[in-house]
Amino acid sequence: MTPKNRIFVHEYLIDLNATQAARRAGYSDSYARRACYVLLRKPEIAKAVADGMAARTRRLEIDGDKVMREYAKIAFANIGNLAVWGKDGVALRDHKEISEDDAAAIVEVSIDGKHRGRIKLHDKRAALDALGRHVGMFKPRSAPFAGDYSNAQQRRARAFIKQRVADVLAEDVAKAAENTSANATATEPEKK
């Protein structure tokens, strides 16, 4: 692997933005998009990136279970554990009363000039969606009839539809001919 390739791998592992990594590795702006496409397909670079990501995962002790637990904290956070409300309005709970799991769901806590608190949570729906997809609750949508029929079945269906269209057109032509001859007879003057 060339020194420039090693720099690309190092830079790519910073933010996983291949185009920017190519630029930072010294490729021209005009060539960076093409370079990253080519570089990421080279086996030695792909392996170096995979090894770097695996090493990072080990260092951070990240695994699928840990990611899913974080999603679960967001997905199942209960606003009632973070704030109380009643006749006097809404009040944020003291930070000592909030569990570590509920705190993980919080994006922002702010207080306005009138000492009113505001709490913003991570996107609960996105977290539920991610968890649902992970456990296989949602089946991927496919195009109508995609893969439902073999090629032979599709050919037979197309032939049937073509034949049916031809039959309907032939019926329409016959009816039009009947109407034309009926109209022609009705408009002929009577002969004496």
N, C-alpha and C. Protein backbone atom coordinates (compact mmCIF):
# COMPACT_ATOMS: atom_id res chain seq x y z
N MET A 1 0.86 -1.18 0.00
CA MET A 1 0.00 0.00 0.00
C MET A 1 0.90 1.24 0.00
N THR A 2 0.53 2.21 -0.82
CA THR A 2 1.35 3.42 -0.92
C THR A 2 1.12 4.31 0.30
N PRO A 3 2.06 5.22 0.56
CA PRO A 3 1.86 6.15 1.68
C PRO A 3 0.56 6.96 1.52
N LYS A 4 0.26 7.35 0.29
CA LYS A 4 -0.96 8.12 0.04
C LYS A 4 -2.21 7.27 0.37
N ASN A 5 -2.16 5.99 0.06
CA ASN A 5 -3.26 5.09 0.39
C ASN A 5 -3.42 4.95 1.91
N ARG A 6 -2.28 4.85 2.61
CA ARG A 6 -2.33 4.75 4.08
C ARG A 6 -2.95 6.01 4.68
N ILE A 7 -2.60 7.16 4.13
CA ILE A 7 -3.19 8.42 4.62
C ILE A 7 -4.70 8.41 4.35
N PHE A 8 -5.09 7.94 3.17
CA PHE A 8 -6.52 7.85 2.85
C PHE A 8 -7.25 7.00 3.88
N VAL A 9 -6.71 5.82 4.19
CA VAL A 9 -7.35 4.92 5.16
C VAL A 9 -7.48 5.62 6.50
N HIS A 10 -6.38 6.23 6.96
CA HIS A 10 -6.40 6.94 8.25
C HIS A 10 -7.47 8.04 8.25
N GLU A 11 -7.51 8.83 7.20
CA GLU A 11 -8.46 9.94 7.11
C GLU A 11 -9.90 9.41 6.99
N TYR A 12 -10.07 8.33 6.25
CA TYR A 12 -11.42 7.76 6.09
C TYR A 12 -11.97 7.28 7.42
N LEU A 13 -11.11 6.71 8.25
CA LEU A 13 -11.56 6.20 9.55
C LEU A 13 -11.95 7.31 10.52
N ILE A 14 -11.57 8.54 10.23
CA ILE A 14 -11.94 9.66 11.10
C ILE A 14 -13.43 9.94 11.03
N ASP A 15 -13.96 10.07 9.81
CA ASP A 15 -15.37 10.46 9.68
C ASP A 15 -16.17 9.62 8.69
N LEU A 16 -15.53 8.61 8.09
CA LEU A 16 -16.15 7.72 7.10
C LEU A 16 -16.70 8.48 5.89
N ASN A 17 -16.09 9.63 5.60
CA ASN A 17 -16.45 10.39 4.41
C ASN A 17 -15.32 10.20 3.41
N ALA A 18 -15.58 9.32 2.43
CA ALA A 18 -14.52 8.92 1.50
C ALA A 18 -14.02 10.09 0.65
N THR A 19 -14.92 10.94 0.17
CA THR A 19 -14.51 12.05 -0.68
C THR A 19 -13.60 13.00 0.10
N GLN A 20 -14.01 13.35 1.30
CA GLN A 20 -13.18 14.24 2.12
C GLN A 20 -11.86 13.58 2.49
N ALA A 21 -11.90 12.28 2.75
CA ALA A 21 -10.66 11.56 3.08
C ALA A 21 -9.71 11.60 1.90
N ALA A 22 -10.22 11.45 0.68
CA ALA A 22 -9.37 11.51 -0.52
C ALA A 22 -8.76 12.90 -0.66
N ARG A 23 -9.55 13.93 -0.40
CA ARG A 23 -9.02 15.30 -0.47
C ARG A 23 -7.91 15.50 0.56
N ARG A 24 -8.18 15.05 1.80
CA ARG A 24 -7.19 15.23 2.86
C ARG A 24 -5.95 14.39 2.61
N ALA A 25 -6.09 13.30 1.84
CA ALA A 25 -4.94 12.45 1.51
C ALA A 25 -4.11 13.04 0.38
N GLY A 26 -4.61 14.12 -0.25
CA GLY A 26 -3.82 14.78 -1.28
C GLY A 26 -4.36 14.65 -2.69
N TYR A 27 -5.52 14.02 -2.85
CA TYR A 27 -6.11 13.94 -4.19
C TYR A 27 -6.79 15.27 -4.51
N SER A 28 -6.77 15.65 -5.77
CA SER A 28 -7.36 16.93 -6.17
C SER A 28 -8.87 16.89 -5.97
N ASP A 29 -9.45 18.07 -5.78
CA ASP A 29 -10.90 18.17 -5.59
C ASP A 29 -11.65 17.55 -6.76
N SER A 30 -11.15 17.77 -7.96
CA SER A 30 -11.84 17.27 -9.14
C SER A 30 -11.76 15.74 -9.25
N TYR A 31 -10.74 15.14 -8.67
CA TYR A 31 -10.57 13.69 -8.77
C TYR A 31 -10.99 12.95 -7.50
N ALA A 32 -11.25 13.65 -6.43
CA ALA A 32 -11.49 13.02 -5.13
C ALA A 32 -12.65 12.04 -5.15
N ARG A 33 -13.76 12.41 -5.81
CA ARG A 33 -14.92 11.51 -5.83
C ARG A 33 -14.58 10.21 -6.55
N ARG A 34 -13.91 10.32 -7.66
CA ARG A 34 -13.53 9.13 -8.42
C ARG A 34 -12.48 8.33 -7.65
N ALA A 35 -11.56 9.03 -7.02
CA ALA A 35 -10.48 8.36 -6.28
C ALA A 35 -11.05 7.52 -5.14
N CYS A 36 -11.99 8.06 -4.39
CA CYS A 36 -12.52 7.31 -3.25
C CYS A 36 -13.27 6.07 -3.73
N TYR A 37 -13.94 6.18 -4.85
CA TYR A 37 -14.65 5.04 -5.42
C TYR A 37 -13.65 3.93 -5.77
N VAL A 38 -12.57 4.31 -6.41
CA VAL A 38 -11.55 3.35 -6.83
C VAL A 38 -10.82 2.80 -5.61
N LEU A 39 -10.44 3.67 -4.69
CA LEU A 39 -9.64 3.25 -3.53
C LEU A 39 -10.39 2.25 -2.65
N LEU A 40 -11.66 2.52 -2.37
CA LEU A 40 -12.41 1.65 -1.46
C LEU A 40 -12.66 0.26 -2.07
N ARG A 41 -12.44 0.11 -3.35
CA ARG A 41 -12.63 -1.19 -4.00
C ARG A 41 -11.32 -1.99 -4.11
N LYS A 42 -10.23 -1.38 -3.73
CA LYS A 42 -8.96 -2.11 -3.73
C LYS A 42 -8.94 -3.02 -2.50
N PRO A 43 -8.65 -4.30 -2.69
CA PRO A 43 -8.70 -5.26 -1.58
C PRO A 43 -7.84 -4.87 -0.38
N GLU A 44 -6.62 -4.38 -0.63
CA GLU A 44 -5.74 -4.04 0.51
C GLU A 44 -6.29 -2.83 1.29
N ILE A 45 -6.91 -1.90 0.61
CA ILE A 45 -7.49 -0.73 1.29
C ILE A 45 -8.76 -1.15 2.02
N ALA A 46 -9.61 -1.94 1.37
CA ALA A 46 -10.83 -2.41 2.02
C ALA A 46 -10.49 -3.19 3.29
N LYS A 47 -9.44 -4.02 3.22
CA LYS A 47 -9.02 -4.78 4.41
C LYS A 47 -8.50 -3.85 5.50
N ALA A 48 -7.70 -2.85 5.12
CA ALA A 48 -7.16 -1.91 6.11
C ALA A 48 -8.30 -1.13 6.78
N VAL A 49 -9.30 -0.74 6.01
CA VAL A 49 -10.45 -0.02 6.58
C VAL A 49 -11.21 -0.95 7.53
N ALA A 50 -11.46 -2.18 7.10
CA ALA A 50 -12.18 -3.14 7.95
C ALA A 50 -11.40 -3.41 9.24
N ASP A 51 -10.08 -3.58 9.12
CA ASP A 51 -9.25 -3.80 10.31
C ASP A 51 -9.29 -2.60 11.25
N GLY A 52 -9.22 -1.40 10.67
CA GLY A 52 -9.28 -0.18 11.49
C GLY A 52 -10.60 -0.03 12.21
N MET A 53 -11.67 -0.34 11.52
CA MET A 53 -13.00 -0.25 12.15
C MET A 53 -13.15 -1.31 13.24
N ALA A 54 -12.63 -2.50 13.00
CA ALA A 54 -12.70 -3.57 14.01
C ALA A 54 -11.90 -3.18 15.25
N ALA A 55 -10.72 -2.60 15.03
CA ALA A 55 -9.88 -2.17 16.16
C ALA A 55 -10.59 -1.09 16.97
N ARG A 56 -11.23 -0.16 16.28
CA ARG A 56 -11.98 0.90 16.97
C ARG A 56 -13.12 0.29 17.79
N THR A 57 -13.81 -0.65 17.19
CA THR A 57 -14.92 -1.30 17.88
C THR A 57 -14.43 -1.98 19.15
N ARG A 58 -13.29 -2.66 19.06
CA ARG A 58 -12.72 -3.32 20.25
C ARG A 58 -12.33 -2.29 21.30
N ARG A 59 -11.68 -1.21 20.88
CA ARG A 59 -11.25 -0.17 21.84
C ARG A 59 -12.43 0.44 22.56
N LEU A 60 -13.50 0.69 21.81
CA LEU A 60 -14.67 1.33 22.40
C LEU A 60 -15.61 0.33 23.06
N GLU A 61 -15.30 -0.94 22.90
CA GLU A 61 -16.14 -2.01 23.44
C GLU A 61 -17.58 -1.90 22.93
N ILE A 62 -17.69 -1.64 21.63
CA ILE A 62 -19.01 -1.52 21.01
C ILE A 62 -19.36 -2.86 20.39
N ASP A 63 -20.58 -3.29 20.68
CA ASP A 63 -21.10 -4.47 19.99
C ASP A 63 -22.58 -4.23 19.70
N GLY A 64 -23.18 -5.11 18.97
CA GLY A 64 -24.58 -4.94 18.59
C GLY A 64 -25.50 -4.83 19.78
N ASP A 65 -25.21 -5.58 20.84
CA ASP A 65 -26.07 -5.52 22.03
C ASP A 65 -26.02 -4.14 22.68
N LYS A 66 -24.83 -3.56 22.73
CA LYS A 66 -24.68 -2.25 23.35
C LYS A 66 -25.46 -1.19 22.55
N VAL A 67 -25.36 -1.26 21.23
CA VAL A 67 -26.09 -0.31 20.38
C VAL A 67 -27.59 -0.48 20.57
N MET A 68 -28.04 -1.74 20.59
CA MET A 68 -29.48 -1.99 20.77
C MET A 68 -29.97 -1.52 22.15
N ARG A 69 -29.13 -1.68 23.18
CA ARG A 69 -29.51 -1.18 24.51
C ARG A 69 -29.70 0.33 24.50
N GLU A 70 -28.82 1.04 23.78
CA GLU A 70 -28.95 2.50 23.69
C GLU A 70 -30.23 2.88 22.94
N TYR A 71 -30.50 2.18 21.85
CA TYR A 71 -31.76 2.41 21.12
C TYR A 71 -32.95 2.15 22.05
N ALA A 72 -32.87 1.10 22.84
CA ALA A 72 -33.98 0.76 23.75
C ALA A 72 -34.18 1.85 24.79
N LYS A 73 -33.10 2.44 25.28
CA LYS A 73 -33.23 3.53 26.25
C LYS A 73 -34.02 4.69 25.65
N ILE A 74 -33.73 5.00 24.40
CA ILE A 74 -34.44 6.10 23.71
C ILE A 74 -35.87 5.70 23.41
N ALA A 75 -36.04 4.49 22.90
CA ALA A 75 -37.36 4.04 22.47
C ALA A 75 -38.34 3.92 23.63
N PHE A 76 -37.86 3.52 24.78
CA PHE A 76 -38.77 3.25 25.90
C PHE A 76 -38.68 4.29 27.02
N ALA A 77 -38.08 5.43 26.73
CA ALA A 77 -38.03 6.50 27.73
C ALA A 77 -39.44 6.99 28.01
N ASN A 78 -39.70 7.33 29.26
CA ASN A 78 -41.03 7.78 29.67
C ASN A 78 -40.92 9.22 30.16
N ILE A 79 -41.60 10.11 29.50
CA ILE A 79 -41.53 11.54 29.87
C ILE A 79 -41.96 11.75 31.33
N GLY A 80 -42.81 10.87 31.84
CA GLY A 80 -43.24 10.96 33.24
C GLY A 80 -42.11 10.76 34.22
N ASN A 81 -41.04 10.11 33.78
CA ASN A 81 -39.87 9.93 34.64
C ASN A 81 -38.95 11.15 34.61
N LEU A 82 -39.22 12.09 33.70
CA LEU A 82 -38.36 13.25 33.54
C LEU A 82 -39.01 14.55 34.01
N ALA A 83 -40.33 14.59 34.02
CA ALA A 83 -41.04 15.82 34.39
C ALA A 83 -42.33 15.45 35.11
N VAL A 84 -42.82 16.40 35.87
CA VAL A 84 -44.13 16.24 36.53
C VAL A 84 -45.01 17.39 36.09
N TRP A 85 -46.30 17.15 36.00
CA TRP A 85 -47.21 18.21 35.60
C TRP A 85 -48.51 18.09 36.36
N GLY A 86 -49.15 19.21 36.46
CA GLY A 86 -50.41 19.30 37.18
C GLY A 86 -51.03 20.66 36.94
N LYS A 87 -51.85 21.11 37.90
CA LYS A 87 -52.54 22.39 37.76
C LYS A 87 -51.56 23.56 37.62
N ASP A 88 -50.42 23.45 38.24
CA ASP A 88 -49.45 24.55 38.24
C ASP A 88 -48.54 24.53 37.02
N GLY A 89 -48.72 23.58 36.11
CA GLY A 89 -47.88 23.52 34.91
C GLY A 89 -46.96 22.32 34.95
N VAL A 90 -45.86 22.46 34.25
CA VAL A 90 -44.91 21.36 34.12
C VAL A 90 -43.61 21.74 34.83
N ALA A 91 -43.05 20.80 35.56
CA ALA A 91 -41.77 21.04 36.24
C ALA A 91 -40.86 19.85 35.95
N LEU A 92 -39.60 20.16 35.66
CA LEU A 92 -38.62 19.10 35.43
C LEU A 92 -38.24 18.45 36.74
N ARG A 93 -38.04 17.17 36.71
CA ARG A 93 -37.60 16.47 37.92
C ARG A 93 -36.14 16.84 38.19
N ASP A 94 -35.74 16.74 39.42
CA ASP A 94 -34.36 16.97 39.80
C ASP A 94 -33.50 15.91 39.13
N HIS A 95 -32.30 16.28 38.70
CA HIS A 95 -31.45 15.34 37.97
C HIS A 95 -31.11 14.09 38.79
N LYS A 96 -31.16 14.21 40.12
CA LYS A 96 -30.88 13.06 40.98
C LYS A 96 -32.01 12.02 40.92
N GLU A 97 -33.20 12.46 40.51
CA GLU A 97 -34.35 11.55 40.43
C GLU A 97 -34.43 10.81 39.09
N ILE A 98 -33.63 11.22 38.13
CA ILE A 98 -33.72 10.64 36.79
C ILE A 98 -32.71 9.49 36.66
N SER A 99 -33.19 8.36 36.22
CA SER A 99 -32.32 7.19 36.07
C SER A 99 -31.33 7.41 34.93
N GLU A 100 -30.28 6.61 34.93
CA GLU A 100 -29.27 6.69 33.87
C GLU A 100 -29.89 6.35 32.52
N ASP A 101 -30.81 5.37 32.50
CA ASP A 101 -31.48 4.99 31.25
C ASP A 101 -32.32 6.13 30.71
N ASP A 102 -33.09 6.79 31.56
CA ASP A 102 -33.92 7.91 31.11
C ASP A 102 -33.06 9.09 30.69
N ALA A 103 -31.96 9.32 31.39
CA ALA A 103 -31.07 10.43 31.04
C ALA A 103 -30.46 10.22 29.66
N ALA A 104 -30.24 8.97 29.25
CA ALA A 104 -29.66 8.69 27.93
C ALA A 104 -30.58 9.12 26.81
N ALA A 105 -31.87 9.25 27.07
CA ALA A 105 -32.83 9.65 26.04
C ALA A 105 -32.90 11.16 25.86
N ILE A 106 -32.27 11.92 26.75
CA ILE A 106 -32.35 13.38 26.72
C ILE A 106 -31.32 13.96 25.75
N VAL A 107 -31.79 14.86 24.88
CA VAL A 107 -30.90 15.57 23.97
C VAL A 107 -30.50 16.90 24.60
N GLU A 108 -31.49 17.57 25.19
CA GLU A 108 -31.25 18.93 25.66
C GLU A 108 -32.19 19.27 26.80
N VAL A 109 -31.68 20.01 27.76
CA VAL A 109 -32.49 20.59 28.83
C VAL A 109 -32.17 22.07 28.84
N SER A 110 -33.20 22.90 28.78
CA SER A 110 -32.96 24.34 28.79
C SER A 110 -34.00 25.03 29.67
N ILE A 111 -33.64 26.22 30.11
CA ILE A 111 -34.54 27.03 30.93
C ILE A 111 -34.61 28.41 30.31
N ASP A 112 -35.84 28.90 30.12
CA ASP A 112 -35.99 30.22 29.50
C ASP A 112 -35.87 31.31 30.57
N GLY A 113 -36.04 32.54 30.17
CA GLY A 113 -35.89 33.68 31.07
C GLY A 113 -36.90 33.71 32.21
N LYS A 114 -38.01 32.99 32.07
CA LYS A 114 -39.04 32.98 33.12
C LYS A 114 -38.92 31.74 33.99
N HIS A 115 -37.76 31.10 33.97
CA HIS A 115 -37.47 29.91 34.77
C HIS A 115 -38.37 28.73 34.42
N ARG A 116 -38.81 28.69 33.15
CA ARG A 116 -39.58 27.54 32.70
C ARG A 116 -38.63 26.59 32.01
N GLY A 117 -38.71 25.32 32.37
CA GLY A 117 -37.81 24.33 31.80
C GLY A 117 -38.36 23.71 30.52
N ARG A 118 -37.46 23.27 29.71
CA ARG A 118 -37.83 22.59 28.46
C ARG A 118 -36.89 21.40 28.32
N ILE A 119 -37.48 20.28 27.94
CA ILE A 119 -36.67 19.07 27.76
C ILE A 119 -36.92 18.53 26.36
N LYS A 120 -35.84 18.18 25.69
CA LYS A 120 -35.95 17.63 24.34
C LYS A 120 -35.35 16.22 24.36
N LEU A 121 -36.11 15.26 23.82
CA LEU A 121 -35.66 13.87 23.79
C LEU A 121 -35.20 13.48 22.39
N HIS A 122 -34.40 12.43 22.32
CA HIS A 122 -34.03 11.85 21.03
C HIS A 122 -35.30 11.36 20.34
N ASP A 123 -35.21 11.10 19.04
CA ASP A 123 -36.35 10.68 18.24
C ASP A 123 -36.78 9.26 18.63
N LYS A 124 -37.89 9.19 19.36
CA LYS A 124 -38.40 7.91 19.85
C LYS A 124 -38.84 7.01 18.70
N ARG A 125 -39.50 7.58 17.70
CA ARG A 125 -39.99 6.79 16.57
C ARG A 125 -38.83 6.15 15.80
N ALA A 126 -37.76 6.91 15.58
CA ALA A 126 -36.61 6.37 14.86
C ALA A 126 -35.98 5.22 15.64
N ALA A 127 -35.90 5.36 16.96
CA ALA A 127 -35.34 4.30 17.79
C ALA A 127 -36.23 3.06 17.77
N LEU A 128 -37.53 3.26 17.84
CA LEU A 128 -38.45 2.12 17.76
C LEU A 128 -38.35 1.43 16.41
N ASP A 129 -38.24 2.24 15.35
CA ASP A 129 -38.11 1.69 14.01
C ASP A 129 -36.83 0.85 13.90
N ALA A 130 -35.72 1.37 14.40
CA ALA A 130 -34.45 0.64 14.34
C ALA A 130 -34.55 -0.67 15.11
N LEU A 131 -35.15 -0.63 16.29
CA LEU A 131 -35.31 -1.86 17.07
C LEU A 131 -36.23 -2.84 16.36
N GLY A 132 -37.33 -2.33 15.81
CA GLY A 132 -38.27 -3.20 15.10
C GLY A 132 -37.64 -3.88 13.91
N ARG A 133 -36.84 -3.13 13.16
CA ARG A 133 -36.15 -3.73 12.02
C ARG A 133 -35.15 -4.78 12.48
N HIS A 134 -34.48 -4.49 13.60
CA HIS A 134 -33.47 -5.41 14.12
C HIS A 134 -34.09 -6.75 14.54
N VAL A 135 -35.25 -6.70 15.14
CA VAL A 135 -35.89 -7.94 15.59
C VAL A 135 -36.78 -8.55 14.52
N GLY A 136 -36.81 -7.96 13.33
CA GLY A 136 -37.53 -8.54 12.20
C GLY A 136 -39.02 -8.31 12.21
N MET A 137 -39.47 -7.25 12.87
CA MET A 137 -40.91 -6.97 12.91
C MET A 137 -41.45 -6.49 11.57
N PHE A 138 -40.62 -5.82 10.81
CA PHE A 138 -41.08 -5.22 9.56
C PHE A 138 -40.51 -5.99 8.38
N LYS A 139 -41.38 -6.40 7.50
CA LYS A 139 -40.93 -7.08 6.29
C LYS A 139 -40.63 -6.01 5.25
N PRO A 140 -39.53 -6.15 4.50
CA PRO A 140 -39.24 -5.15 3.48
C PRO A 140 -40.32 -5.16 2.41
N ARG A 141 -40.70 -3.97 1.98
CA ARG A 141 -41.70 -3.85 0.93
C ARG A 141 -41.03 -4.10 -0.41
N SER A 142 -41.73 -4.82 -1.26
CA SER A 142 -41.19 -5.05 -2.58
C SER A 142 -42.18 -4.50 -3.60
N ALA A 143 -41.71 -4.35 -4.79
CA ALA A 143 -42.58 -3.86 -5.86
C ALA A 143 -43.70 -4.88 -6.07
N PRO A 144 -44.88 -4.44 -6.49
CA PRO A 144 -45.98 -5.39 -6.69
C PRO A 144 -45.57 -6.48 -7.66
N PHE A 145 -45.83 -7.69 -7.25
CA PHE A 145 -45.57 -8.89 -8.05
C PHE A 145 -44.10 -9.17 -8.31
N ALA A 146 -43.20 -8.39 -7.73
CA ALA A 146 -41.78 -8.62 -7.98
C ALA A 146 -41.39 -9.97 -7.40
N GLY A 147 -40.93 -10.84 -8.25
CA GLY A 147 -40.47 -12.14 -7.79
C GLY A 147 -41.59 -13.11 -7.48
N ASP A 148 -42.86 -12.69 -7.62
CA ASP A 148 -43.96 -13.58 -7.30
C ASP A 148 -44.19 -14.63 -8.38
N TYR A 149 -43.83 -14.31 -9.59
CA TYR A 149 -44.09 -15.20 -10.71
C TYR A 149 -42.80 -15.53 -11.43
N SER A 150 -42.75 -16.73 -11.97
CA SER A 150 -41.59 -17.10 -12.78
C SER A 150 -41.69 -16.37 -14.12
N ASN A 151 -40.61 -16.40 -14.87
CA ASN A 151 -40.62 -15.77 -16.19
C ASN A 151 -41.68 -16.38 -17.08
N ALA A 152 -41.84 -17.72 -17.02
CA ALA A 152 -42.84 -18.39 -17.85
C ALA A 152 -44.24 -17.92 -17.47
N GLN A 153 -44.49 -17.79 -16.19
CA GLN A 153 -45.81 -17.32 -15.74
C GLN A 153 -46.06 -15.89 -16.20
N GLN A 154 -45.01 -15.08 -16.13
CA GLN A 154 -45.16 -13.70 -16.57
C GLN A 154 -45.45 -13.64 -18.07
N ARG A 155 -44.77 -14.48 -18.85
CA ARG A 155 -45.03 -14.51 -20.31
C ARG A 155 -46.46 -14.94 -20.59
N ARG A 156 -46.92 -15.96 -19.88
CA ARG A 156 -48.31 -16.43 -20.09
C ARG A 156 -49.30 -15.33 -19.71
N ALA A 157 -49.03 -14.63 -18.61
CA ALA A 157 -49.93 -13.56 -18.19
C ALA A 157 -49.96 -12.44 -19.22
N ARG A 158 -48.78 -12.07 -19.75
CA ARG A 158 -48.74 -11.03 -20.78
C ARG A 158 -49.48 -11.47 -22.03
N ALA A 159 -49.30 -12.75 -22.44
CA ALA A 159 -49.97 -13.26 -23.63
C ALA A 159 -51.49 -13.25 -23.43
N PHE A 160 -51.93 -13.62 -22.23
CA PHE A 160 -53.37 -13.61 -21.93
C PHE A 160 -53.92 -12.20 -22.02
N ILE A 161 -53.20 -11.25 -21.44
CA ILE A 161 -53.65 -9.85 -21.46
C ILE A 161 -53.69 -9.33 -22.89
N LYS A 162 -52.66 -9.63 -23.68
CA LYS A 162 -52.64 -9.20 -25.08
C LYS A 162 -53.83 -9.77 -25.83
N GLN A 163 -54.11 -11.06 -25.61
CA GLN A 163 -55.22 -11.71 -26.30
C GLN A 163 -56.54 -11.08 -25.88
N ARG A 164 -56.68 -10.82 -24.60
CA ARG A 164 -57.93 -10.21 -24.10
C ARG A 164 -58.13 -8.82 -24.69
N VAL A 165 -57.05 -8.03 -24.76
CA VAL A 165 -57.13 -6.70 -25.36
C VAL A 165 -57.52 -6.82 -26.84
N ALA A 166 -56.93 -7.78 -27.55
CA ALA A 166 -57.26 -7.98 -28.97
C ALA A 166 -58.73 -8.37 -29.13
N ASP A 167 -59.23 -9.25 -28.23
CA ASP A 167 -60.64 -9.66 -28.29
C ASP A 167 -61.57 -8.47 -28.06
N VAL A 168 -61.25 -7.66 -27.07
CA VAL A 168 -62.09 -6.49 -26.76
C VAL A 168 -62.08 -5.52 -27.95
N LEU A 169 -60.91 -5.30 -28.54
CA LEU A 169 -60.83 -4.42 -29.70
C LEU A 169 -61.64 -4.98 -30.87
N ALA A 170 -61.56 -6.30 -31.09
CA ALA A 170 -62.33 -6.92 -32.18
C ALA A 170 -63.82 -6.77 -31.93
N GLU A 171 -64.25 -6.93 -30.68
CA GLU A 171 -65.67 -6.74 -30.34
C GLU A 171 -66.09 -5.31 -30.62
N ASP A 172 -65.25 -4.36 -30.26
CA ASP A 172 -65.56 -2.94 -30.50
C ASP A 172 -65.67 -2.65 -31.99
N VAL A 173 -64.78 -3.22 -32.80
CA VAL A 173 -64.81 -3.02 -34.25
C VAL A 173 -66.10 -3.62 -34.82
N ALA A 174 -66.48 -4.82 -34.35
CA ALA A 174 -67.70 -5.48 -34.84
C ALA A 174 -68.93 -4.66 -34.47
N LYS A 175 -68.97 -4.14 -33.23
CA LYS A 175 -70.11 -3.32 -32.81
C LYS A 175 -70.18 -2.04 -33.63
N ALA A 176 -69.03 -1.44 -33.88
CA ALA A 176 -68.99 -0.21 -34.68
C ALA A 176 -69.48 -0.49 -36.09
N ALA A 177 -69.13 -1.63 -36.65
CA ALA A 177 -69.57 -2.00 -38.00
C ALA A 177 -71.07 -2.22 -38.02
N GLU A 178 -71.60 -2.89 -36.98
CA GLU A 178 -73.05 -3.11 -36.88
C GLU A 178 -73.79 -1.78 -36.81
N ASN A 179 -73.29 -0.88 -35.95
CA ASN A 179 -73.92 0.43 -35.80
C ASN A 179 -73.88 1.22 -37.11
N THR A 180 -72.78 1.14 -37.82
CA THR A 180 -72.64 1.85 -39.08
C THR A 180 -73.64 1.31 -40.10
N SER A 181 -73.77 -0.03 -40.21
CA SER A 181 -74.71 -0.59 -41.19
C SER A 181 -76.15 -0.34 -40.76
N ALA A 182 -76.43 -0.36 -39.47
CA ALA A 182 -77.79 -0.08 -38.99
C ALA A 182 -78.15 1.37 -39.28
N ASN A 183 -77.21 2.28 -39.07
CA ASN A 183 -77.46 3.69 -39.35
C ASN A 183 -77.63 3.92 -40.85
N ALA A 184 -76.87 3.22 -41.63
CA ALA A 184 -76.95 3.38 -43.09
C ALA A 184 -78.32 2.90 -43.59
N THR A 185 -78.83 1.81 -43.05
CA THR A 185 -80.15 1.31 -43.47
C THR A 185 -81.25 2.25 -43.01
N ALA A 186 -81.09 2.82 -41.85
CA ALA A 186 -82.13 3.71 -41.32
C ALA A 186 -82.19 5.01 -42.10
N THR A 187 -81.11 5.43 -42.69
CA THR A 187 -81.10 6.71 -43.41
C THR A 187 -81.37 6.55 -44.90
N GLU A 188 -81.44 5.32 -45.42
CA GLU A 188 -81.73 5.13 -46.85
C GLU A 188 -83.17 5.50 -47.13
N PRO A 189 -83.42 6.23 -48.24
CA PRO A 189 -84.81 6.56 -48.57
C PRO A 189 -85.55 5.32 -49.07
N GLU A 190 -86.81 5.29 -48.77
CA GLU A 190 -87.62 4.14 -49.19
C GLU A 190 -87.80 4.19 -50.68
N LYS A 191 -87.73 2.99 -51.34
CA LYS A 191 -87.90 2.88 -52.78
C LYS A 191 -89.33 2.42 -53.06
N LYS A 192 -89.95 3.00 -54.07
CA LYS A 192 -91.32 2.65 -54.40
C LYS A 192 -91.38 1.72 -55.53
